[in-house]
Amino acid sequence: IVVNQFFRTASNERCSFFGNLSLGTDISLFELRELYDVVVLAYGAESDRTLNVSGEALAGVHSAREFVWWYNGHPDFSSMAPDLENTDTALILGQGNVALDVARILLRPASELATTDIADHALDALYKSSIRKVYLVGRRGPVQAACTTKELREILSIKNLNIHVKESDLLKSPADEEELSSSRIQRRVYELFSKSASSSLSHSVSGQRELHFIFFRRPDRFMPSIDNKVSGVSFEKTYLTGNVESGKQYAVGTGQFEDLEAGLVVSLKTWKREY
């Protein structure tokens, strides 16, 4: 669908494409402004921003950028080879659309992914994957989750997948209510989490793959194994602070910690722009 839409746009006589150019090297922003009435910089993220968390350089810890580029076939990351065979658990730091997409790739049956345009080297690795459990961890609560309903529905609809959402995490404060009242998207996302929490109580099946949504946690350190690979993440529990009038809340540490074991960690907090 995306390819077809792009093809229709690119075929329009008013559309021109110029590739293999670097802004600031091959052409300047000043020159672009001289040539065009409107200039939109939509270059995305090209490098990583560190979390400044102990253990971040351990083997098995990947940025979302490199992990996504790996399964999307970016030539610079085709040989990355994340270890999916020696652990059954993955931790994803973040709960936005990219985080959900990474979780979907790890949890969806490889036989179904084979019908998509996923890179061949990634598909081969996913056929051999031992990942059975994925944690999606966020600093704030379900009201503040940065995903869209479309992406959330897609991962919740994966067949034979146990979804875990704690009902206690769904309790809303007056500030939460204020946020929900001003955003239709957030209301729909919250409703999906609520339905998942209710459904997980009665439809959980032993032996199936698992997706756990963990809220109110922020990474404190990456835990090493004896062979200097990541073995999990120590999280500080958080609570939200902010006023009802602003409708925006941010996470504050409680000083209480919790460890989650995993042999694969993907961080969604490490993208930065080059310009």
Protein backbone atom coordinates (compact mmCIF):
# COMPACT_ATOMS: atom_id res chain seq x y z
CA ILE A 1 0.00 0.00 0.00
CA VAL A 2 2.76 2.43 0.95
CA VAL A 3 4.72 1.64 -2.22
CA ASN A 4 1.63 2.17 -4.39
CA GLN A 5 0.87 5.51 -2.75
CA PHE A 6 4.46 6.64 -3.18
CA PHE A 7 4.43 5.54 -6.83
CA ARG A 8 1.34 7.62 -7.55
CA THR A 9 2.93 10.65 -5.91
CA ALA A 10 6.29 10.18 -7.64
CA SER A 11 4.57 9.81 -11.01
CA ASN A 12 3.01 13.25 -10.75
CA GLU A 13 4.67 15.70 -13.13
CA ARG A 14 5.01 18.20 -10.29
CA CYS A 15 7.14 15.79 -8.24
CA SER A 16 10.93 15.55 -8.63
CA PHE A 17 13.31 13.35 -6.65
CA PHE A 18 17.00 14.10 -6.08
CA GLY A 19 18.93 11.43 -4.17
CA ASN A 20 22.43 10.97 -2.75
CA LEU A 21 22.65 14.56 -1.55
CA SER A 22 23.72 15.75 1.87
CA LEU A 23 22.31 18.96 3.32
CA GLY A 24 25.14 21.20 4.38
CA THR A 25 27.66 19.50 2.10
CA ASP A 26 26.17 19.20 -1.38
CA ILE A 27 23.69 22.00 -0.93
CA SER A 28 23.00 24.52 1.82
CA LEU A 29 19.76 25.40 3.53
CA PHE A 30 20.23 28.96 2.27
CA GLU A 31 20.34 27.72 -1.33
CA LEU A 32 17.19 25.67 -0.85
CA ARG A 33 15.37 28.71 0.52
CA GLU A 34 16.46 30.69 -2.50
CA LEU A 35 15.13 28.01 -4.86
CA TYR A 36 11.82 27.13 -3.18
CA ASP A 37 8.97 28.95 -1.47
CA VAL A 38 8.69 26.34 1.29
CA VAL A 39 11.40 24.00 2.63
CA VAL A 40 10.47 21.08 4.90
CA LEU A 41 13.30 19.27 6.70
CA ALA A 42 12.04 15.68 7.07
CA TYR A 43 15.33 13.85 7.31
CA GLY A 44 14.59 11.80 10.43
CA ALA A 45 17.27 10.49 12.78
CA GLU A 46 20.67 9.46 11.46
CA SER A 47 22.66 8.69 14.60
CA ASP A 48 22.25 7.70 18.24
CA ARG A 49 21.95 9.70 21.42
CA THR A 50 23.14 7.86 24.51
CA LEU A 51 21.01 7.39 27.61
CA ASN A 52 24.00 7.89 29.93
CA VAL A 53 22.94 4.77 31.81
CA SER A 54 25.50 2.34 33.20
CA GLY A 55 25.97 -0.74 31.03
CA GLU A 56 24.62 0.83 27.87
CA ALA A 57 27.54 -0.51 25.82
CA LEU A 58 26.94 -4.15 26.80
CA ALA A 59 26.49 -6.69 24.02
CA GLY A 60 22.80 -7.26 23.41
CA VAL A 61 21.81 -3.61 23.92
CA HIS A 62 20.71 -2.03 20.63
CA SER A 63 19.33 1.32 19.66
CA ALA A 64 15.99 1.31 17.90
CA ARG A 65 17.59 2.97 14.90
CA GLU A 66 20.04 0.16 14.23
CA PHE A 67 17.52 -2.57 15.05
CA VAL A 68 14.86 -1.13 12.73
CA TRP A 69 17.40 -0.58 9.99
CA TRP A 70 18.53 -4.20 10.44
CA TYR A 71 15.12 -5.72 9.72
CA ASN A 72 14.27 -3.12 7.09
CA GLY A 73 17.35 -4.02 5.05
CA HIS A 74 19.57 -0.95 5.48
CA PRO A 75 22.88 -1.95 3.84
CA ASP A 76 24.95 -0.61 6.74
CA PHE A 77 23.21 -2.94 9.20
CA SER A 78 22.61 -6.12 7.21
CA SER A 79 25.40 -7.87 9.14
CA MET A 80 24.40 -6.63 12.60
CA ALA A 81 23.12 -10.08 13.69
CA PRO A 82 21.33 -9.44 17.01
CA ASP A 83 21.34 -12.55 19.19
CA LEU A 84 17.76 -13.85 19.13
CA GLU A 85 18.61 -17.48 19.85
CA ASN A 86 20.18 -17.42 23.32
CA THR A 87 17.42 -15.63 25.20
CA ASP A 88 13.67 -15.97 25.40
CA THR A 89 13.01 -12.43 26.63
CA ALA A 90 13.40 -8.98 25.07
CA LEU A 91 13.03 -5.58 26.71
CA ILE A 92 11.98 -2.57 24.65
CA LEU A 93 12.45 0.83 26.28
CA GLY A 94 9.61 2.97 24.99
CA GLN A 95 5.95 2.63 24.08
CA GLY A 96 5.58 4.66 20.90
CA ASN A 97 4.90 3.42 17.38
CA VAL A 98 8.49 2.38 16.71
CA ALA A 99 8.55 0.39 19.96
CA LEU A 100 5.35 -1.40 18.97
CA ASP A 101 6.77 -2.17 15.54
CA VAL A 102 9.91 -3.71 17.05
CA ALA A 103 7.75 -5.81 19.39
CA ARG A 104 5.55 -6.86 16.48
CA ILE A 105 8.56 -8.06 14.51
CA LEU A 106 9.81 -10.09 17.48
CA LEU A 107 6.44 -11.64 18.32
CA ARG A 108 4.69 -12.17 15.02
CA PRO A 109 5.22 -15.66 13.54
CA ALA A 110 8.05 -15.66 11.01
CA SER A 111 5.82 -17.50 8.54
CA GLU A 112 3.55 -14.44 8.47
CA LEU A 113 6.47 -12.03 8.18
CA ALA A 114 7.63 -14.02 5.14
CA THR A 115 4.73 -12.53 3.17
CA THR A 116 6.00 -8.98 3.84
CA ASP A 117 8.99 -7.09 2.46
CA ILE A 118 11.14 -7.68 5.57
CA ALA A 119 14.84 -8.15 4.80
CA ASP A 120 15.82 -11.76 4.08
CA HIS A 121 18.65 -11.81 6.63
CA ALA A 122 16.26 -10.63 9.35
CA LEU A 123 13.63 -13.18 8.37
CA ASP A 124 16.20 -15.99 8.58
CA ALA A 125 17.16 -14.85 12.09
CA LEU A 126 13.52 -14.58 13.18
CA TYR A 127 12.80 -18.13 12.02
CA LYS A 128 15.49 -19.25 14.48
CA SER A 129 14.45 -16.84 17.23
CA SER A 130 13.87 -18.08 20.77
CA ILE A 131 12.11 -14.88 21.87
CA ARG A 132 8.85 -15.79 23.60
CA LYS A 133 8.32 -12.81 25.88
CA VAL A 134 8.59 -9.07 25.17
CA TYR A 135 8.34 -6.24 27.68
CA LEU A 136 7.38 -2.75 26.47
CA VAL A 137 8.48 -0.40 29.24
CA GLY A 138 7.48 3.24 29.62
CA ARG A 139 8.37 6.01 32.07
CA ARG A 140 4.78 7.19 32.36
CA GLY A 141 1.36 5.56 32.30
CA PRO A 142 -1.10 4.24 29.71
CA VAL A 143 -2.70 7.67 29.39
CA GLN A 144 0.61 9.08 28.15
CA ALA A 145 1.59 6.20 25.83
CA ALA A 146 2.87 7.76 22.60
CA CYS A 147 1.50 5.14 20.19
CA THR A 148 -1.45 5.45 17.83
CA THR A 149 -4.54 3.27 17.91
CA LYS A 150 -3.70 1.74 14.54
CA GLU A 151 -0.28 0.49 15.66
CA LEU A 152 -1.61 -0.67 19.02
CA ARG A 153 -4.50 -2.58 17.44
CA GLU A 154 -2.12 -4.27 15.03
CA ILE A 155 0.06 -5.76 17.73
CA LEU A 156 -2.90 -6.63 19.96
CA SER A 157 -4.40 -8.60 17.08
CA ILE A 158 -1.44 -10.99 16.72
CA LYS A 159 -2.80 -14.52 16.97
CA ASN A 160 -1.93 -16.72 19.94
CA LEU A 161 -0.35 -13.89 21.89
CA ASN A 162 -0.95 -13.36 25.60
CA ILE A 163 -1.31 -9.64 26.39
CA HIS A 164 -0.52 -8.47 29.92
CA VAL A 165 -1.63 -5.09 31.28
CA LYS A 166 -1.96 -4.53 35.03
CA GLU A 167 -5.33 -3.13 35.99
CA SER A 168 -3.66 -1.16 38.79
CA ASP A 169 -1.73 0.80 36.14
CA LEU A 170 -5.02 1.92 34.60
CA LEU A 171 -6.12 3.97 37.61
CA LYS A 172 -6.54 7.59 36.53
CA SER A 173 -5.75 10.79 38.41
CA PRO A 174 -7.55 14.12 37.81
CA ALA A 175 -4.56 15.18 35.68
CA ASP A 176 -4.93 11.98 33.65
CA GLU A 177 -8.59 12.76 33.09
CA GLU A 178 -7.63 16.23 31.89
CA GLU A 179 -5.17 14.79 29.39
CA LEU A 180 -7.74 12.32 28.09
CA SER A 181 -10.39 15.00 27.72
CA SER A 182 -8.18 16.98 25.35
CA SER A 183 -7.01 14.12 23.10
CA ARG A 184 -9.25 11.72 21.20
CA ILE A 185 -6.25 9.59 20.23
CA GLN A 186 -5.14 9.19 23.85
CA ARG A 187 -8.68 8.23 24.87
CA ARG A 188 -8.83 5.50 22.24
CA VAL A 189 -5.37 4.19 23.16
CA TYR A 190 -6.34 4.10 26.84
CA GLU A 191 -9.55 2.23 25.98
CA LEU A 192 -7.55 -0.41 24.12
CA PHE A 193 -5.26 -0.88 27.12
CA SER A 194 -8.33 -1.22 29.36
CA LYS A 195 -9.87 -3.88 27.13
CA SER A 196 -6.55 -5.74 27.01
CA ALA A 197 -6.31 -5.77 30.81
CA SER A 198 -9.80 -7.25 31.11
CA SER A 199 -9.21 -9.76 28.34
CA SER A 200 -5.86 -10.96 29.72
CA LEU A 201 -7.53 -12.10 32.93
CA SER A 202 -9.69 -14.65 31.11
CA HIS A 203 -7.88 -15.47 27.86
CA SER A 204 -4.28 -16.11 28.92
CA VAL A 205 -3.07 -19.46 27.56
CA SER A 206 0.01 -21.25 28.86
CA GLY A 207 2.84 -21.75 26.37
CA GLN A 208 1.92 -18.88 24.07
CA ARG A 209 4.12 -15.89 23.36
CA GLU A 210 3.69 -12.98 25.75
CA LEU A 211 3.60 -9.20 25.46
CA HIS A 212 3.84 -7.24 28.71
CA PHE A 213 3.13 -3.52 28.93
CA ILE A 214 5.08 -2.15 31.90
CA PHE A 215 4.31 1.40 32.99
CA PHE A 216 5.89 3.83 35.46
CA ARG A 217 9.46 2.58 35.09
CA ARG A 218 12.64 4.27 33.89
CA PRO A 219 15.98 2.53 33.26
CA ASP A 220 18.58 2.97 35.98
CA ARG A 221 21.27 0.56 34.74
CA PHE A 222 21.80 -2.31 32.34
CA MET A 223 22.79 -5.45 34.21
CA PRO A 224 25.77 -7.47 32.92
CA SER A 225 26.14 -11.23 32.76
CA ILE A 226 29.38 -13.01 33.65
CA ASP A 227 30.40 -12.91 29.96
CA ASN A 228 29.76 -9.15 29.75
CA LYS A 229 26.47 -9.36 27.87
CA VAL A 230 23.26 -7.70 28.96
CA SER A 231 21.24 -9.88 31.33
CA GLY A 232 18.49 -7.41 32.15
CA VAL A 233 17.66 -3.88 33.21
CA SER A 234 17.24 -2.37 36.65
CA PHE A 235 14.35 0.10 36.62
CA GLU A 236 13.43 2.85 39.02
CA LYS A 237 9.72 3.03 39.69
CA THR A 238 8.17 6.39 38.89
CA TYR A 239 5.12 8.47 39.62
CA LEU A 240 3.63 11.37 37.69
CA THR A 241 3.65 14.96 38.74
CA GLY A 242 2.12 18.01 37.12
CA ASN A 243 -0.96 20.15 37.48
CA VAL A 244 -4.44 19.57 36.16
CA GLU A 245 -4.50 22.94 34.42
CA SER A 246 -1.55 22.15 32.15
CA GLY A 247 -2.80 18.64 31.39
CA LYS A 248 0.79 17.47 31.03
CA GLN A 249 2.67 15.29 33.47
CA TYR A 250 6.22 14.04 33.74
CA ALA A 251 7.80 11.08 35.51
CA VAL A 252 9.67 11.40 38.80
CA GLY A 253 11.69 8.63 40.42
CA THR A 254 10.48 7.07 43.67
CA GLY A 255 13.80 5.63 44.82
CA GLN A 256 12.35 2.12 44.54
CA PHE A 257 13.85 -0.29 42.03
CA GLU A 258 12.84 -3.41 40.16
CA ASP A 259 14.91 -5.73 37.94
CA LEU A 260 13.70 -7.37 34.74
CA GLU A 261 15.81 -10.07 33.14
CA ALA A 262 16.34 -10.12 29.37
CA GLY A 263 19.09 -11.04 26.94
CA LEU A 264 18.03 -8.48 24.33
CA VAL A 265 17.33 -4.78 24.95
CA VAL A 266 16.18 -2.25 22.36
CA SER A 267 16.18 1.39 23.40
CA LEU A 268 13.81 3.91 21.82
CA LYS A 269 15.41 6.89 23.56
CA THR A 270 18.54 7.05 21.44
CA TRP A 271 17.66 8.78 18.19
CA LYS A 272 19.02 12.21 17.32
CA ARG A 273 19.04 14.42 14.25
CA GLU A 274 22.16 15.38 12.37
CA TYR A 275 21.28 18.94 11.41
